[in-house]
Amino acid sequence: MKLSYRLALVIAFLVQVGLVGWMIADRALLLANGRELRLAVVPVDPRDLFRGDYVTLSYAMSRLDSTELDGDDTFADDAPVYVALKQEDEAWQPMAIYTAPPAEGTWIRGTITDVRTKSGCSGNCAIYRADYNIEKFFVPEGTGRDLEKLRNDQRISVDVARGDDGRVALKRLLVDGEPRYDEPFL
């Protein structure tokens, strides 16, 4: 009986170590091998800017207006959204939104977090909030306030790594187009 109990504990431990190892390896592989895209950062409501040692980031694709973008126009809360991007200058901007991955082009996957009906509009027109798991960039202690000011002046952009499945991970934070902070692989 004691041997099977110990074996069960060892197996449980190995499963947990394996899961943590897989999560770390998955992120490291995405950062190392994903396609690199640059995204412009837009200002965020100043009441929720600084929580500890990270900067809150928002993007043009964080607010999706179905009347301004091609593609599908009906999404629900917590639904996946696939945002087709086009490159303008150095940064990538949203051009269409879909309920399924597009067959071609550059796109990223996010999750709808809020759905609002656009005022003064008849038919299917909504404004969607979307998250991509790249809304916080951790920075060295004491540097967040200065970066918030730069972010609000729209002088910050980020490079992200995009996997084949549309997931993205923050790779580096840039100020005026120059790299300031790199995201470590681990």
C-alpha atoms as a PDB file:
ATOM      1  CA  MET A   1       0.000   0.000   0.000  1.00  0.00           C
ATOM      2  CA  LYS A   2       2.818   2.415   0.855  1.00  0.00           C
ATOM      3  CA  LEU A   3       4.557   1.781  -2.459  1.00  0.00           C
ATOM      4  CA  SER A   4       1.454   2.657  -4.528  1.00  0.00           C
ATOM      5  CA  TYR A   5       0.891   5.799  -2.429  1.00  0.00           C
ATOM      6  CA  ARG A   6       4.492   6.913  -3.000  1.00  0.00           C
ATOM      7  CA  LEU A   7       4.232   6.107  -6.680  1.00  0.00           C
ATOM      8  CA  ALA A   8       1.057   8.202  -6.923  1.00  0.00           C
ATOM      9  CA  LEU A   9       2.836  11.133  -5.236  1.00  0.00           C
ATOM     10  CA  VAL A  10       5.808  10.848  -7.587  1.00  0.00           C
ATOM     11  CA  ILE A  11       3.514  10.726 -10.625  1.00  0.00           C
ATOM     12  CA  ALA A  12       1.525  13.742  -9.391  1.00  0.00           C
ATOM     13  CA  PHE A  13       4.768  15.664  -8.844  1.00  0.00           C
ATOM     14  CA  LEU A  14       6.098  14.775 -12.293  1.00  0.00           C
ATOM     15  CA  VAL A  15       2.836  15.811 -13.950  1.00  0.00           C
ATOM     16  CA  GLN A  16       2.975  19.209 -12.233  1.00  0.00           C
ATOM     17  CA  VAL A  17       6.622  19.741 -13.168  1.00  0.00           C
ATOM     18  CA  GLY A  18       5.820  18.701 -16.733  1.00  0.00           C
ATOM     19  CA  LEU A  19       2.942  21.187 -16.995  1.00  0.00           C
ATOM     20  CA  VAL A  20       5.035  24.072 -15.690  1.00  0.00           C
ATOM     21  CA  GLY A  21       7.898  23.076 -17.990  1.00  0.00           C
ATOM     22  CA  TRP A  22       5.536  22.930 -20.972  1.00  0.00           C
ATOM     23  CA  MET A  23       4.170  26.434 -20.189  1.00  0.00           C
ATOM     24  CA  ILE A  24       7.684  27.890 -19.987  1.00  0.00           C
ATOM     25  CA  ALA A  25       8.868  26.085 -23.125  1.00  0.00           C
ATOM     26  CA  ASP A  26       5.737  27.084 -25.071  1.00  0.00           C
ATOM     27  CA  ARG A  27       6.281  30.795 -24.330  1.00  0.00           C
ATOM     28  CA  ALA A  28      10.016  30.598 -25.012  1.00  0.00           C
ATOM     29  CA  LEU A  29       9.379  28.903 -28.375  1.00  0.00           C
ATOM     30  CA  LEU A  30       6.792  31.539 -29.319  1.00  0.00           C
ATOM     31  CA  LEU A  31       9.205  34.371 -28.487  1.00  0.00           C
ATOM     32  CA  ALA A  32      12.093  32.678 -30.293  1.00  0.00           C
ATOM     33  CA  ASN A  33      10.273  31.479 -33.411  1.00  0.00           C
ATOM     34  CA  GLY A  34       7.129  33.623 -33.766  1.00  0.00           C
ATOM     35  CA  ARG A  35       6.751  36.196 -36.537  1.00  0.00           C
ATOM     36  CA  GLU A  36       7.624  39.636 -35.194  1.00  0.00           C
ATOM     37  CA  LEU A  37       5.045  42.426 -35.562  1.00  0.00           C
ATOM     38  CA  ARG A  38       5.254  46.018 -34.268  1.00  0.00           C
ATOM     39  CA  LEU A  39       2.133  47.495 -32.675  1.00  0.00           C
ATOM     40  CA  ALA A  40       1.528  51.159 -31.824  1.00  0.00           C
ATOM     41  CA  VAL A  41       0.356  51.763 -28.253  1.00  0.00           C
ATOM     42  CA  VAL A  42      -2.533  54.150 -27.508  1.00  0.00           C
ATOM     43  CA  PRO A  43      -3.251  55.976 -24.221  1.00  0.00           C
ATOM     44  CA  VAL A  44      -5.278  54.275 -21.479  1.00  0.00           C
ATOM     45  CA  ASP A  45      -7.667  55.810 -18.942  1.00  0.00           C
ATOM     46  CA  PRO A  46      -5.342  57.314 -16.267  1.00  0.00           C
ATOM     47  CA  ARG A  47      -7.380  55.948 -13.351  1.00  0.00           C
ATOM     48  CA  ASP A  48      -6.006  52.457 -13.976  1.00  0.00           C
ATOM     49  CA  LEU A  49      -2.484  53.129 -15.206  1.00  0.00           C
ATOM     50  CA  PHE A  50       0.008  51.938 -12.639  1.00  0.00           C
ATOM     51  CA  ARG A  51      -0.362  48.801 -10.541  1.00  0.00           C
ATOM     52  CA  GLY A  52       3.014  47.858  -9.254  1.00  0.00           C
ATOM     53  CA  ASP A  53       5.862  47.416 -11.682  1.00  0.00           C
ATOM     54  CA  TYR A  54       4.125  47.204 -15.019  1.00  0.00           C
ATOM     55  CA  VAL A  55       2.658  49.552 -17.584  1.00  0.00           C
ATOM     56  CA  THR A  56      -0.872  49.021 -18.866  1.00  0.00           C
ATOM     57  CA  LEU A  57      -1.001  48.995 -22.669  1.00  0.00           C
ATOM     58  CA  SER A  58      -3.815  49.381 -25.151  1.00  0.00           C
ATOM     59  CA  TYR A  59      -3.790  49.143 -28.924  1.00  0.00           C
ATOM     60  CA  ALA A  60      -5.873  50.232 -31.915  1.00  0.00           C
ATOM     61  CA  MET A  61      -7.100  46.625 -32.022  1.00  0.00           C
ATOM     62  CA  SER A  62      -8.235  46.782 -28.373  1.00  0.00           C
ATOM     63  CA  ARG A  63     -11.343  48.700 -29.477  1.00  0.00           C
ATOM     64  CA  LEU A  64     -12.952  47.200 -32.574  1.00  0.00           C
ATOM     65  CA  ASP A  65     -15.734  49.160 -34.270  1.00  0.00           C
ATOM     66  CA  SER A  66     -17.682  46.770 -36.521  1.00  0.00           C
ATOM     67  CA  THR A  67     -18.800  49.665 -38.765  1.00  0.00           C
ATOM     68  CA  GLU A  68     -15.180  50.637 -39.500  1.00  0.00           C
ATOM     69  CA  LEU A  69     -13.767  47.149 -40.074  1.00  0.00           C
ATOM     70  CA  ASP A  70     -14.472  44.499 -42.703  1.00  0.00           C
ATOM     71  CA  GLY A  71     -15.362  40.917 -41.849  1.00  0.00           C
ATOM     72  CA  ASP A  72     -17.877  39.595 -39.357  1.00  0.00           C
ATOM     73  CA  ASP A  73     -19.966  41.873 -37.184  1.00  0.00           C
ATOM     74  CA  THR A  74     -21.540  39.677 -34.500  1.00  0.00           C
ATOM     75  CA  PHE A  75     -19.504  38.589 -31.472  1.00  0.00           C
ATOM     76  CA  ALA A  76     -20.394  37.718 -27.885  1.00  0.00           C
ATOM     77  CA  ASP A  77     -18.520  38.230 -24.616  1.00  0.00           C
ATOM     78  CA  ASP A  78     -15.653  35.760 -24.135  1.00  0.00           C
ATOM     79  CA  ALA A  79     -15.774  34.768 -27.822  1.00  0.00           C
ATOM     80  CA  PRO A  80     -12.547  34.437 -29.794  1.00  0.00           C
ATOM     81  CA  VAL A  81     -11.859  37.160 -32.351  1.00  0.00           C
ATOM     82  CA  TYR A  82      -9.393  36.962 -35.212  1.00  0.00           C
ATOM     83  CA  VAL A  83      -8.119  40.388 -36.254  1.00  0.00           C
ATOM     84  CA  ALA A  84      -6.660  40.758 -39.740  1.00  0.00           C
ATOM     85  CA  LEU A  85      -3.833  43.296 -39.775  1.00  0.00           C
ATOM     86  CA  LYS A  86      -2.274  45.544 -42.380  1.00  0.00           C
ATOM     87  CA  GLN A  87       1.062  47.265 -42.026  1.00  0.00           C
ATOM     88  CA  GLU A  88       1.001  51.061 -42.046  1.00  0.00           C
ATOM     89  CA  ASP A  89       4.487  52.578 -41.832  1.00  0.00           C
ATOM     90  CA  GLU A  90       6.154  50.434 -39.149  1.00  0.00           C
ATOM     91  CA  ALA A  91       3.080  49.488 -37.086  1.00  0.00           C
ATOM     92  CA  TRP A  92       0.347  46.967 -37.867  1.00  0.00           C
ATOM     93  CA  GLN A  93      -3.284  48.144 -37.725  1.00  0.00           C
ATOM     94  CA  PRO A  94      -6.611  46.244 -37.707  1.00  0.00           C
ATOM     95  CA  MET A  95      -8.489  46.027 -41.002  1.00  0.00           C
ATOM     96  CA  ALA A  96     -11.026  43.235 -40.428  1.00  0.00           C
ATOM     97  CA  ILE A  97     -12.438  41.023 -37.667  1.00  0.00           C
ATOM     98  CA  TYR A  98     -13.536  37.411 -37.993  1.00  0.00           C
ATOM     99  CA  THR A  99     -15.113  34.655 -35.924  1.00  0.00           C
ATOM    100  CA  ALA A 100     -12.668  32.111 -37.408  1.00  0.00           C
ATOM    101  CA  PRO A 101      -9.034  32.348 -38.509  1.00  0.00           C
ATOM    102  CA  PRO A 102      -8.680  33.983 -41.953  1.00  0.00           C
ATOM    103  CA  ALA A 103      -7.358  31.729 -44.704  1.00  0.00           C
ATOM    104  CA  GLU A 104      -4.593  34.182 -45.626  1.00  0.00           C
ATOM    105  CA  GLY A 105      -2.846  37.345 -44.507  1.00  0.00           C
ATOM    106  CA  THR A 106      -1.460  38.406 -41.149  1.00  0.00           C
ATOM    107  CA  TRP A 107      -3.857  38.079 -38.217  1.00  0.00           C
ATOM    108  CA  ILE A 108      -3.846  37.637 -34.465  1.00  0.00           C
ATOM    109  CA  ARG A 109      -6.216  35.947 -32.033  1.00  0.00           C
ATOM    110  CA  GLY A 110      -7.861  37.705 -29.113  1.00  0.00           C
ATOM    111  CA  THR A 111     -10.878  37.401 -26.832  1.00  0.00           C
ATOM    112  CA  ILE A 112     -13.891  39.716 -26.781  1.00  0.00           C
ATOM    113  CA  THR A 113     -14.201  41.172 -23.266  1.00  0.00           C
ATOM    114  CA  ASP A 114     -17.049  43.660 -23.792  1.00  0.00           C
ATOM    115  CA  VAL A 115     -19.766  44.304 -26.361  1.00  0.00           C
ATOM    116  CA  ARG A 116     -21.466  47.716 -26.704  1.00  0.00           C
ATOM    117  CA  THR A 117     -24.109  48.781 -29.177  1.00  0.00           C
ATOM    118  CA  LYS A 118     -22.958  51.822 -31.112  1.00  0.00           C
ATOM    119  CA  SER A 119     -25.278  54.760 -30.447  1.00  0.00           C
ATOM    120  CA  GLY A 120     -27.280  56.178 -33.332  1.00  0.00           C
ATOM    121  CA  CYS A 121     -26.831  53.073 -35.449  1.00  0.00           C
ATOM    122  CA  SER A 122     -29.423  50.675 -36.805  1.00  0.00           C
ATOM    123  CA  GLY A 123     -28.614  47.094 -37.686  1.00  0.00           C
ATOM    124  CA  ASN A 124     -25.552  45.135 -36.612  1.00  0.00           C
ATOM    125  CA  CYS A 125     -23.121  47.734 -35.375  1.00  0.00           C
ATOM    126  CA  ALA A 126     -21.171  47.303 -32.191  1.00  0.00           C
ATOM    127  CA  ILE A 127     -17.980  48.307 -30.486  1.00  0.00           C
ATOM    128  CA  TYR A 128     -16.026  45.379 -29.092  1.00  0.00           C
ATOM    129  CA  ARG A 129     -13.268  45.427 -26.486  1.00  0.00           C
ATOM    130  CA  ALA A 130     -10.690  42.714 -27.062  1.00  0.00           C
ATOM    131  CA  ASP A 131      -7.735  41.421 -25.056  1.00  0.00           C
ATOM    132  CA  TYR A 132      -4.725  39.629 -26.501  1.00  0.00           C
ATOM    133  CA  ASN A 133      -2.767  38.797 -23.322  1.00  0.00           C
ATOM    134  CA  ILE A 134      -0.324  41.639 -24.143  1.00  0.00           C
ATOM    135  CA  GLU A 135      -1.928  44.428 -22.121  1.00  0.00           C
ATOM    136  CA  LYS A 136       0.729  44.602 -19.390  1.00  0.00           C
ATOM    137  CA  PHE A 137       4.463  45.036 -19.823  1.00  0.00           C
ATOM    138  CA  PHE A 138       6.551  44.473 -16.712  1.00  0.00           C
ATOM    139  CA  VAL A 139       9.322  47.038 -16.253  1.00  0.00           C
ATOM    140  CA  PRO A 140      12.110  47.634 -13.723  1.00  0.00           C
ATOM    141  CA  GLU A 141      10.963  49.053 -10.415  1.00  0.00           C
ATOM    142  CA  GLY A 142      10.566  52.835 -10.421  1.00  0.00           C
ATOM    143  CA  THR A 143      10.355  53.266 -14.217  1.00  0.00           C
ATOM    144  CA  GLY A 144       6.614  52.843 -14.694  1.00  0.00           C
ATOM    145  CA  ARG A 145       5.554  56.477 -14.164  1.00  0.00           C
ATOM    146  CA  ASP A 146       7.979  57.819 -16.786  1.00  0.00           C
ATOM    147  CA  LEU A 147       6.831  55.161 -19.255  1.00  0.00           C
ATOM    148  CA  GLU A 148       3.184  56.054 -18.591  1.00  0.00           C
ATOM    149  CA  LYS A 149       3.894  59.636 -19.642  1.00  0.00           C
ATOM    150  CA  LEU A 150       5.640  58.430 -22.794  1.00  0.00           C
ATOM    151  CA  ARG A 151       2.747  56.057 -23.472  1.00  0.00           C
ATOM    152  CA  ASN A 152       0.203  58.854 -23.080  1.00  0.00           C
ATOM    153  CA  ASP A 153       2.248  60.955 -25.534  1.00  0.00           C
ATOM    154  CA  GLN A 154       2.009  57.985 -27.947  1.00  0.00           C
ATOM    155  CA  ARG A 155       5.782  57.552 -28.052  1.00  0.00           C
ATOM    156  CA  ILE A 156       5.701  53.855 -27.077  1.00  0.00           C
ATOM    157  CA  SER A 157       5.254  50.860 -29.327  1.00  0.00           C
ATOM    158  CA  VAL A 158       5.852  47.164 -28.767  1.00  0.00           C
ATOM    159  CA  ASP A 159       7.154  44.288 -30.808  1.00  0.00           C
ATOM    160  CA  VAL A 160       5.243  41.052 -30.390  1.00  0.00           C
ATOM    161  CA  ALA A 161       5.940  37.518 -31.511  1.00  0.00           C
ATOM    162  CA  ARG A 162       3.037  35.852 -33.345  1.00  0.00           C
ATOM    163  CA  GLY A 163       2.629  32.103 -33.522  1.00  0.00           C
ATOM    164  CA  ASP A 164       0.962  30.216 -36.366  1.00  0.00           C
ATOM    165  CA  ASP A 165      -2.185  29.890 -34.247  1.00  0.00           C
ATOM    166  CA  GLY A 166      -2.495  33.687 -33.858  1.00  0.00           C
ATOM    167  CA  ARG A 167      -1.319  33.874 -30.241  1.00  0.00           C
ATOM    168  CA  VAL A 168       0.975  36.795 -29.493  1.00  0.00           C
ATOM    169  CA  ALA A 169       3.516  37.484 -26.761  1.00  0.00           C
ATOM    170  CA  LEU A 170       5.231  40.747 -25.902  1.00  0.00           C
ATOM    171  CA  LYS A 171       8.821  40.731 -27.101  1.00  0.00           C
ATOM    172  CA  ARG A 172      10.107  44.257 -26.450  1.00  0.00           C
ATOM    173  CA  LEU A 173       8.983  47.767 -25.558  1.00  0.00           C
ATOM    174  CA  LEU A 174      10.236  50.631 -27.726  1.00  0.00           C
ATOM    175  CA  VAL A 175      10.361  54.375 -27.062  1.00  0.00           C
ATOM    176  CA  ASP A 176      10.403  56.543 -30.195  1.00  0.00           C
ATOM    177  CA  GLY A 177      11.151  53.406 -32.214  1.00  0.00           C
ATOM    178  CA  GLU A 178      14.240  52.479 -30.168  1.00  0.00           C
ATOM    179  CA  PRO A 179      14.242  49.325 -28.014  1.00  0.00           C
ATOM    180  CA  ARG A 180      14.065  50.142 -24.296  1.00  0.00           C
ATOM    181  CA  TYR A 181      13.177  46.834 -22.609  1.00  0.00           C
ATOM    182  CA  ASP A 182      13.264  43.242 -23.872  1.00  0.00           C
ATOM    183  CA  GLU A 183      10.982  40.560 -22.487  1.00  0.00           C
ATOM    184  CA  PRO A 184      13.068  37.721 -21.103  1.00  0.00           C
ATOM    185  CA  PHE A 185      12.423  34.249 -22.521  1.00  0.00           C
ATOM    186  CA  LEU A 186      11.905  32.819 -19.019  1.00  0.00           C
END
